[in-house]
Protein backbone atom coordinates (compact mmCIF):
# COMPACT_ATOMS: atom_id res chain seq x y z
CA UNK A 1 268.75 265.15 32.61
CA UNK A 2 272.40 263.84 33.26
CA UNK A 3 273.41 261.51 36.22
CA UNK A 4 276.48 263.75 36.64
CA UNK A 5 274.24 266.61 37.64
CA UNK A 6 272.42 264.67 40.14
CA UNK A 7 275.52 263.32 41.78
CA UNK A 8 276.73 266.91 42.08
CA UNK A 9 273.33 268.12 43.40
CA UNK A 10 273.17 265.45 46.14
CA UNK A 11 276.93 265.76 46.91
CA UNK A 12 276.18 269.61 47.56
CA UNK A 13 273.47 268.60 50.09
CA UNK A 14 270.40 269.53 47.88
CA UNK A 15 267.31 267.19 47.78
CA UNK A 16 266.59 265.35 44.64
CA UNK A 17 263.24 265.62 42.86
CA UNK A 18 261.05 262.52 42.27
CA UNK A 19 261.44 262.64 38.56
CA UNK A 20 265.27 262.82 39.08
CA UNK A 21 265.24 259.70 41.32
CA UNK A 22 262.98 257.75 38.88
CA UNK A 23 265.30 258.65 36.16
CA UNK A 24 268.34 257.50 38.30
CA UNK A 25 266.68 254.05 39.28
CA UNK A 26 265.44 253.26 35.90
CA UNK A 27 268.70 254.07 34.16
CA UNK A 28 270.56 252.01 36.54
CA UNK A 29 268.37 249.08 36.17
CA UNK A 30 268.36 249.26 32.43
CA UNK A 31 272.21 249.66 32.22
CA UNK A 32 272.45 253.23 30.93
CA UNK A 33 273.86 254.48 34.21
CA UNK A 34 277.11 252.72 34.96
CA UNK A 35 278.18 251.33 38.40
CA UNK A 36 280.77 254.03 38.86
CA UNK A 37 278.17 256.92 38.72
CA UNK A 38 275.76 254.91 40.87
CA UNK A 39 278.65 254.13 43.38
CA UNK A 40 279.24 258.03 43.46
CA UNK A 41 275.56 258.71 44.19
CA UNK A 42 275.45 256.05 47.04
CA UNK A 43 278.36 257.66 48.80
CA UNK A 44 276.71 261.09 48.43
CA UNK A 45 273.57 259.71 49.99
CA UNK A 46 275.77 258.02 52.58
CA UNK A 47 277.29 261.47 53.66
CA UNK A 48 274.32 263.84 52.88
CA UNK A 49 271.42 261.63 53.83
CA UNK A 50 267.91 261.85 52.31
CA UNK A 51 264.78 263.83 53.27
CA UNK A 52 261.56 261.63 54.03
CA UNK A 53 260.15 262.85 50.41
CA UNK A 54 263.45 261.67 48.66
CA UNK A 55 263.44 258.36 50.59
CA UNK A 56 259.84 257.72 49.71
CA UNK A 57 260.31 258.44 45.98
CA UNK A 58 263.57 256.24 45.96
CA UNK A 59 261.91 253.32 47.75
CA UNK A 60 258.74 253.64 45.50
CA UNK A 61 260.88 253.37 42.29
CA UNK A 62 262.94 250.56 43.70
CA UNK A 63 259.65 248.66 44.65
CA UNK A 64 258.32 249.20 41.20
CA UNK A 65 261.51 248.32 39.28
CA UNK A 66 260.33 244.69 38.81
CA UNK A 67 257.55 242.57 39.70
CA UNK A 68 254.73 243.46 42.39
CA UNK A 69 252.71 240.95 43.97
CA UNK A 70 248.83 241.41 43.95
CA UNK A 71 247.19 240.07 47.13
CA UNK A 72 243.67 241.90 46.34
CA UNK A 73 241.98 238.40 45.75
CA UNK A 74 242.77 237.12 49.45
CA UNK A 75 240.00 238.30 51.60
CA UNK A 76 240.63 240.21 54.73
CA UNK A 77 243.73 242.42 55.87
CA UNK A 78 247.07 241.03 54.78
CA UNK A 79 249.89 241.55 57.34
CA UNK A 80 253.57 241.09 56.67
CA UNK A 81 256.36 241.06 59.35
CA UNK A 82 260.05 241.77 58.81
CA UNK A 83 262.83 241.25 61.13
CA UNK A 84 266.11 243.06 60.68
CA UNK A 85 267.92 239.72 61.43
CA UNK A 86 269.67 238.03 64.37
CA UNK A 87 270.87 234.96 66.18
CA UNK A 88 268.20 232.37 67.06
CA UNK A 89 265.57 234.49 65.57
CA UNK A 90 262.61 232.10 64.63
CA UNK A 91 259.88 234.44 65.29
CA UNK A 92 258.25 234.13 61.92
CA UNK A 93 257.75 230.47 62.57
CA UNK A 94 255.76 231.37 65.77
CA UNK A 95 254.37 234.89 65.77
CA UNK A 96 253.04 234.62 62.18
CA UNK A 97 251.01 231.27 62.86
CA UNK A 98 249.58 232.87 66.14
CA UNK A 99 248.46 235.95 64.27
CA UNK A 100 246.88 233.57 61.47
CA UNK A 101 245.02 231.61 63.90
CA UNK A 102 243.45 234.91 64.89
CA UNK A 103 242.24 235.72 61.39
CA UNK A 104 245.21 237.83 60.04
CA UNK A 105 246.10 236.79 56.54
CA UNK A 106 249.79 236.33 56.10
CA UNK A 107 251.26 236.14 52.51
CA UNK A 108 254.81 236.24 53.37
CA UNK A 109 258.09 236.15 51.26
CA UNK A 110 261.17 235.51 53.34
CA UNK A 111 264.87 235.50 52.68
CA UNK A 112 267.89 233.33 53.24
CA UNK A 113 270.61 233.74 55.84
CA UNK A 114 273.90 235.25 55.11
CA UNK A 115 276.66 235.46 57.51
CA UNK A 116 275.78 235.39 61.27
CA UNK A 117 271.98 235.96 60.68
CA UNK A 118 269.59 232.94 60.21
CA UNK A 119 267.33 233.03 57.15
CA UNK A 120 263.56 231.89 57.52
CA UNK A 121 263.70 230.18 54.27
CA UNK A 122 266.68 228.05 55.38
CA UNK A 123 264.87 226.93 58.60
CA UNK A 124 261.76 225.88 56.44
CA UNK A 125 263.79 223.98 54.06
CA UNK A 126 265.12 221.84 56.91
CA UNK A 127 261.68 220.37 56.97
CA UNK A 128 261.59 217.38 54.56
CA UNK A 129 259.52 218.12 51.57
CA UNK A 130 258.77 221.62 52.39
CA UNK A 131 258.39 223.91 49.14
CA UNK A 132 259.58 227.52 49.60
CA UNK A 133 258.92 228.03 45.84
CA UNK A 134 255.45 228.27 44.76
CA UNK A 135 253.69 229.63 41.72
CA UNK A 136 251.49 232.54 42.16
CA UNK A 137 248.20 230.59 42.18
CA UNK A 138 249.27 228.06 44.77
CA UNK A 139 250.69 230.86 46.88
CA UNK A 140 247.53 232.65 46.95
CA UNK A 141 245.36 229.52 47.51
CA UNK A 142 247.53 228.37 50.45
CA UNK A 143 246.99 231.84 52.05
CA UNK A 144 243.16 231.38 51.40
CA UNK A 145 243.14 227.85 52.89
CA UNK A 146 245.55 227.97 55.77
CA UNK A 147 245.60 231.80 56.56
CA UNK A 148 249.36 231.95 55.87
CA UNK A 149 251.92 231.01 53.40
CA UNK A 150 255.68 231.64 53.92
CA UNK A 151 257.80 231.18 50.71
CA UNK A 152 261.26 232.49 49.45
CA UNK A 153 261.57 235.54 47.45
CA UNK A 154 260.90 234.67 43.92
CA UNK A 155 260.84 236.25 40.42
CA UNK A 156 262.09 239.57 39.59
CA UNK A 157 261.11 241.24 42.86
CA UNK A 158 262.74 244.92 43.40
CA UNK A 159 265.79 244.15 40.87
CA UNK A 160 266.92 247.88 41.60
CA UNK A 161 267.63 246.68 45.27
CA UNK A 162 269.59 243.57 44.10
CA UNK A 163 271.82 245.69 42.04
CA UNK A 164 272.21 248.62 44.46
CA UNK A 165 272.81 246.39 47.42
CA UNK A 166 275.45 244.34 45.57
CA UNK A 167 277.20 247.70 44.81
CA UNK A 168 276.97 248.97 48.33
CA UNK A 169 278.42 245.90 49.63
CA UNK A 170 281.63 246.71 47.81
CA UNK A 171 281.68 250.47 48.14
CA UNK A 172 281.42 250.75 52.03
CA UNK A 173 277.94 252.31 51.74
CA UNK A 174 275.99 249.53 53.48
CA UNK A 175 275.89 251.46 56.87
CA UNK A 176 273.47 254.16 55.69
CA UNK A 177 270.02 254.28 57.53
CA UNK A 178 268.20 255.81 54.38
CA UNK A 179 269.74 253.15 52.16
CA UNK A 180 269.00 250.41 54.64
CA UNK A 181 265.41 251.55 54.97
CA UNK A 182 264.91 251.74 51.30
CA UNK A 183 266.26 248.34 50.70
CA UNK A 184 264.01 246.69 53.21
CA UNK A 185 260.91 248.64 52.39
CA UNK A 186 261.20 248.13 48.49
CA UNK A 187 260.86 244.50 48.95
CA UNK A 188 258.00 244.91 51.61
CA UNK A 189 256.02 247.22 49.27
CA UNK A 190 256.39 244.97 46.27
CA UNK A 191 255.28 242.13 48.22
CA UNK A 192 251.76 243.57 48.56
CA UNK A 193 250.67 243.39 52.01
CA UNK A 194 248.37 246.04 53.54
CA UNK A 195 250.28 246.32 56.86
CA UNK A 196 253.86 245.63 57.84
CA UNK A 197 255.28 245.01 61.44
CA UNK A 198 259.03 245.66 61.67
CA UNK A 199 261.07 243.91 64.33
CA UNK A 200 264.15 246.30 64.46
CA UNK A 201 266.98 244.35 66.39
CA UNK A 202 269.71 246.08 68.33
CA UNK A 203 272.87 244.79 70.27
CA UNK A 204 275.90 242.80 69.49
CA UNK A 205 274.06 240.41 67.26
CA UNK A 206 272.33 243.08 65.25
CA UNK A 207 273.17 245.27 62.54
CA UNK A 208 272.02 248.38 64.46
CA UNK A 209 274.27 248.46 67.63
CA UNK A 210 272.41 250.86 69.66
CA UNK A 211 268.78 251.42 70.49
CA UNK A 212 268.95 255.03 69.06
CA UNK A 213 270.16 253.73 65.62
CA UNK A 214 267.63 251.11 65.63
CA UNK A 215 264.78 253.66 66.34
CA UNK A 216 265.99 255.94 63.61
CA UNK A 217 265.90 253.22 61.10
CA UNK A 218 262.33 252.11 62.28
CA UNK A 219 261.08 255.73 61.92
CA UNK A 220 262.52 256.04 58.42
CA UNK A 221 260.82 252.78 57.32
CA UNK A 222 257.65 253.81 58.95
CA UNK A 223 257.66 257.20 57.10
CA UNK A 224 258.21 255.15 53.85
CA UNK A 225 255.41 252.86 54.57
CA UNK A 226 252.85 255.63 55.49
CA UNK A 227 253.85 257.59 52.33
CA UNK A 228 252.79 254.34 50.41
CA UNK A 229 249.48 254.16 52.13
CA UNK A 230 250.33 251.18 54.36
CA UNK A 231 249.73 250.62 57.99
CA UNK A 232 253.24 250.22 59.66
CA UNK A 233 254.51 249.88 63.20
CA UNK A 234 257.83 248.66 64.72
CA UNK A 235 259.38 247.25 67.92
CA UNK A 236 262.87 247.70 68.99
CA UNK A 237 264.06 244.40 70.38
CA UNK A 238 267.25 243.28 72.12
CA UNK A 239 269.69 241.17 70.26
CA UNK A 240 272.52 241.30 72.66
CA UNK A 241 271.81 237.81 73.54
CA UNK A 242 270.87 235.01 71.15
CA UNK A 243 266.92 234.63 71.05
CA UNK A 244 265.69 231.30 72.62
CA UNK A 245 268.12 228.52 73.23
CA UNK A 246 268.63 226.98 69.78
CA UNK A 247 270.92 228.38 66.84
CA UNK A 248 270.63 226.49 63.56
CA UNK A 249 267.86 225.59 61.06
CA UNK A 250 266.40 222.28 62.00
CA UNK A 251 267.02 222.93 65.77
CA UNK A 252 265.21 226.30 65.56
CA UNK A 253 262.04 224.56 63.77
CA UNK A 254 261.99 222.16 66.73
CA UNK A 255 262.30 225.15 69.12
CA UNK A 256 259.44 226.95 67.40
CA UNK A 257 257.21 223.89 67.45
CA UNK A 258 258.02 223.40 71.10
CA UNK A 259 257.08 227.13 71.73
CA UNK A 260 253.68 226.55 69.93
CA UNK A 261 252.99 223.78 72.29
CA UNK A 262 253.57 226.19 75.11
CA UNK A 263 256.87 224.71 76.36
CA UNK A 264 259.12 227.24 74.64
CA UNK A 265 261.85 229.50 76.42
CA UNK A 266 260.31 232.49 78.21
CA UNK A 267 262.25 235.23 75.97
CA UNK A 268 261.22 233.70 72.76
CA UNK A 269 257.61 233.06 73.93
CA UNK A 270 257.02 236.57 75.34
CA UNK A 271 258.44 238.14 72.08
CA UNK A 272 256.43 236.20 69.58
CA UNK A 273 253.25 236.88 71.72
CA UNK A 274 253.92 240.57 71.54
CA UNK A 275 254.70 240.50 67.86
CA UNK A 276 251.45 238.54 67.11
CA UNK A 277 249.58 241.04 69.07
CA UNK A 278 251.05 243.91 67.23
CA UNK A 279 250.13 242.18 64.05
CA UNK A 280 246.61 241.60 65.08
CA UNK A 281 246.28 245.29 66.17
CA UNK A 282 247.59 246.47 62.69
CA UNK A 283 245.06 244.25 61.05
CA UNK A 284 241.98 245.56 63.01
CA UNK A 285 240.64 248.13 65.44
CA UNK A 286 241.09 246.26 68.78
CA UNK A 287 242.90 247.61 71.66
CA UNK A 288 246.41 246.18 72.17
CA UNK A 289 245.14 244.49 75.43
CA UNK A 290 242.46 242.60 73.53
CA UNK A 291 245.03 241.67 70.76
CA UNK A 292 247.37 240.18 73.44
CA UNK A 293 244.57 238.25 74.89
CA UNK A 294 243.70 236.73 71.47
CA UNK A 295 247.30 235.85 70.77
CA UNK A 296 247.68 234.17 74.02
CA UNK A 297 244.40 231.99 73.57
CA UNK A 298 245.71 231.00 70.04
CA UNK A 299 248.78 229.71 71.60
CA UNK A 300 247.22 228.10 74.70
CA UNK A 301 244.28 226.31 72.73
CA UNK A 302 246.69 224.85 70.02
CA UNK A 303 245.14 226.63 67.36
CA UNK A 304 248.35 228.36 66.32
CA UNK A 305 250.26 224.91 66.15
CA UNK A 306 247.50 223.65 63.99
CA UNK A 307 247.97 226.69 61.70
CA UNK A 308 251.71 225.92 61.30
CA UNK A 309 250.76 222.13 60.51
CA UNK A 310 248.39 223.15 57.93
CA UNK A 311 250.72 225.49 56.14
CA UNK A 312 253.55 222.78 56.31
CA UNK A 313 251.33 219.94 54.82
CA UNK A 314 249.96 222.35 52.01
CA UNK A 315 253.46 223.22 51.07
CA UNK A 316 254.50 219.71 50.91
CA UNK A 317 256.45 219.38 54.17
CA UNK A 318 256.41 216.49 56.52
CA UNK A 319 254.25 217.52 59.42
CA UNK A 320 255.80 214.86 61.68
CA UNK A 321 258.44 217.45 62.47
CA UNK A 322 255.68 219.21 64.63
CA UNK A 323 255.27 215.91 66.58
CA UNK A 324 258.83 215.23 67.56
CA UNK A 325 259.66 215.11 71.13
CA UNK A 326 263.22 215.09 70.78
CA UNK A 327 265.44 217.51 68.93
CA UNK A 328 266.95 216.65 65.72
CA UNK A 329 270.58 215.89 66.18
CA UNK A 330 273.64 215.88 63.81
CA UNK A 331 276.08 212.82 63.76
CA UNK A 332 278.72 214.85 65.58
CA UNK A 333 278.46 216.80 68.76
CA UNK A 334 280.49 218.39 71.27
CA UNK A 335 279.74 219.96 74.81
CA UNK A 336 281.38 223.31 75.59
CA UNK A 337 282.10 223.46 79.41
CA UNK A 338 282.95 226.25 81.56
CA UNK A 339 286.55 226.61 82.61
CA UNK A 340 285.90 228.78 85.46
CA UNK A 341 283.15 229.66 87.85
CA UNK A 342 281.06 232.88 88.07
CA UNK A 343 278.46 234.61 86.07
CA UNK A 344 278.02 234.98 82.38
CA UNK A 345 278.47 238.71 82.03
CA UNK A 346 278.35 239.06 78.30
CA UNK A 347 277.66 236.95 75.13
CA UNK A 348 278.97 238.30 71.85
CA UNK A 349 275.88 237.30 69.89
CA UNK A 350 277.49 238.10 66.41
CA UNK A 351 280.27 235.51 67.24
CA UNK A 352 277.84 232.91 68.52
CA UNK A 353 276.28 233.11 65.12
CA UNK A 354 279.45 232.83 63.39
CA UNK A 355 280.42 229.86 65.47
CA UNK A 356 277.16 228.17 64.21
CA UNK A 357 278.20 229.19 60.62
CA UNK A 358 281.38 227.40 61.24
CA UNK A 359 279.48 224.21 62.09
CA UNK A 360 277.51 224.51 58.74
CA UNK A 361 274.27 226.31 60.08
CA UNK A 362 275.11 229.48 57.96
CA UNK A 363 276.81 230.69 54.82
CA UNK A 364 279.43 233.20 54.28
CA UNK A 365 278.94 233.27 50.60
CA UNK A 366 275.59 233.11 48.72
CA UNK A 367 276.54 229.89 47.05
CA UNK A 368 277.40 228.00 50.30
CA UNK A 369 275.54 224.97 51.27
CA UNK A 370 273.75 224.78 54.51
CA UNK A 371 273.79 221.71 56.84
CA UNK A 372 270.23 221.70 58.30
CA UNK A 373 271.23 219.79 61.29
CA UNK A 374 274.17 221.97 62.37
CA UNK A 375 273.84 224.39 65.22
CA UNK A 376 274.28 225.12 68.88
CA UNK A 377 271.88 224.56 71.88
CA UNK A 378 272.69 227.02 74.52
CA UNK A 379 272.54 225.76 78.15
CA UNK A 380 273.55 229.05 79.81
CA UNK A 381 273.09 232.62 78.75
CA UNK A 382 273.93 236.29 80.07
CA UNK A 383 273.04 236.65 83.74
CA UNK A 384 273.31 232.85 84.46
CA UNK A 385 275.57 231.43 87.31
CA UNK A 386 277.97 228.77 86.15
CA UNK A 387 280.29 226.53 87.90
CA UNK A 388 283.40 225.23 86.53
CA UNK A 389 282.63 222.18 84.36
CA UNK A 390 279.10 223.20 83.67
CA UNK A 391 278.03 222.83 80.08
CA UNK A 392 277.61 226.19 78.36
CA UNK A 393 276.46 224.98 75.05
CA UNK A 394 276.26 221.88 72.88
CA UNK A 395 277.67 221.98 69.44
CA UNK A 396 275.94 219.86 66.41
CA UNK A 397 277.47 219.30 62.86
CA UNK A 398 277.78 216.76 60.23
CA UNK A 399 281.34 217.69 59.67
CA UNK A 400 283.43 216.76 62.73
CA UNK A 401 286.47 218.72 61.58
CA UNK A 402 284.61 221.95 62.28
CA UNK A 403 283.92 221.22 65.96
CA UNK A 404 287.27 222.66 67.34
CA UNK A 405 287.11 225.91 65.42
CA UNK A 406 283.51 226.41 66.25
CA UNK A 407 284.27 225.74 69.97
CA UNK A 408 286.99 228.28 70.14
CA UNK A 409 284.77 230.90 68.32
CA UNK A 410 282.03 230.20 70.84
CA UNK A 411 284.49 230.40 73.90
CA UNK A 412 285.60 233.69 72.62
CA UNK A 413 282.24 234.95 72.56
CA UNK A 414 281.31 234.22 76.17
CA UNK A 415 282.65 236.39 79.20
CA UNK A 416 282.57 234.84 82.68
CA UNK A 417 283.02 237.33 85.60
CA UNK A 418 282.56 237.75 89.33
CA UNK A 419 279.26 239.66 89.28
CA UNK A 420 275.82 238.88 88.06
CA UNK A 421 274.74 241.08 85.09
CA UNK A 422 271.05 241.58 84.97
CA UNK A 423 269.62 240.99 81.43
CA UNK A 424 268.22 243.84 79.57
CA UNK A 425 264.57 244.11 78.80
CA UNK A 426 263.70 242.22 75.51
CA UNK A 427 261.27 244.76 74.02
CA UNK A 428 262.91 248.31 74.40
CA UNK A 429 260.52 250.50 72.40
CA UNK A 430 257.56 250.58 70.09
CA UNK A 431 257.60 252.94 67.22
CA UNK A 432 254.52 254.39 65.42
CA UNK A 433 254.87 257.88 64.29
CA UNK A 434 257.09 258.54 67.21
CA UNK A 435 259.15 256.30 69.53
CA UNK A 436 257.76 255.14 72.86
CA UNK A 437 260.54 253.98 75.01
CA UNK A 438 259.65 251.36 77.44
CA UNK A 439 263.05 250.78 79.34
CA UNK A 440 266.59 250.75 78.54
CA UNK A 441 269.38 252.97 77.05
CA UNK A 442 268.05 255.47 74.40
């Protein structure tokens, strides 16, 4: 078998066999297949796509290219949740404790942020003492004790994905739905949960810009999961506006806690309750309405907050962060005020996220350091009326010199016009085997 022949085969639009895909992935990880040949294959896949059978085989080999996690000693059904990334997306810190408080076991490995999207690990590491790196035994014991543990991706999990993603990043092949699906699902399958809920974002702050693209990605990932014997579902959710009011790591932890107290923003609260209900449904046989009721009761009773507190304590974090009445504040701040009256007709969510990065809340390169206190608190969002001089947002940072550039970037992201624009529905569709559209453009 030769890589040359496989490249030619895919270039000509023919499907690769499972054994050919296995040869390709294993050879690339081991170093016998060079970057230039794999780059050619990735470009062929970019243009020719992959069948569901090819995609399942590719994802399986990527998932088994390194370590896998065995969760079998944890009693009950284990459910994982994955978001494709956005701005202000702190749903893991809310939806997962709600689901865990309802008896769902969550052993979750999360990533760090890069670019405009925030990372759950970065948010958790803004909690003093919280350890995102646990050995296998402590990870499993935390799930058994608390019902949930969220740690960083560790060990040699899906090394084929790491190598292939780095190559895609420099060969203009990132924007390929099959390759995105394989990248995400290879890590999810290696992480060992029984069920996977996908939150696929769409809009100006998301990788998938249209609901149709988001649904296509969701359907591919669900097909992969089902082929691997997992129960998988997805929600298509709007990321054309930042989620909640806080952008930035410690700020988002505070807002998550506020939401678990029943005092969070309506958009964030409603989405997290629906995500939790979907996770509960994947884990059992109850109707969605019963699952929604369970999620609501866990939030209202305070059991979800207690679950988060239990996990924070078990992983060495200072639980006093869950008792703060005031948000954590960086030493420098600036109010961004409206220069005209009208209505906010659009927020470029990607640029809002990049403004937070300028302040220090995110990283543009993997080695960049995060300022846990940096970020943005939104006072106005799309659809809101503003008067000249109203505060649109407050910027926070530990580096005063970043404020001017961040303000300019944020102002460029916000459009004020003469007519009110209605906000889109937050949840556009649910994807199981097929896409069920609720509202909005398809």
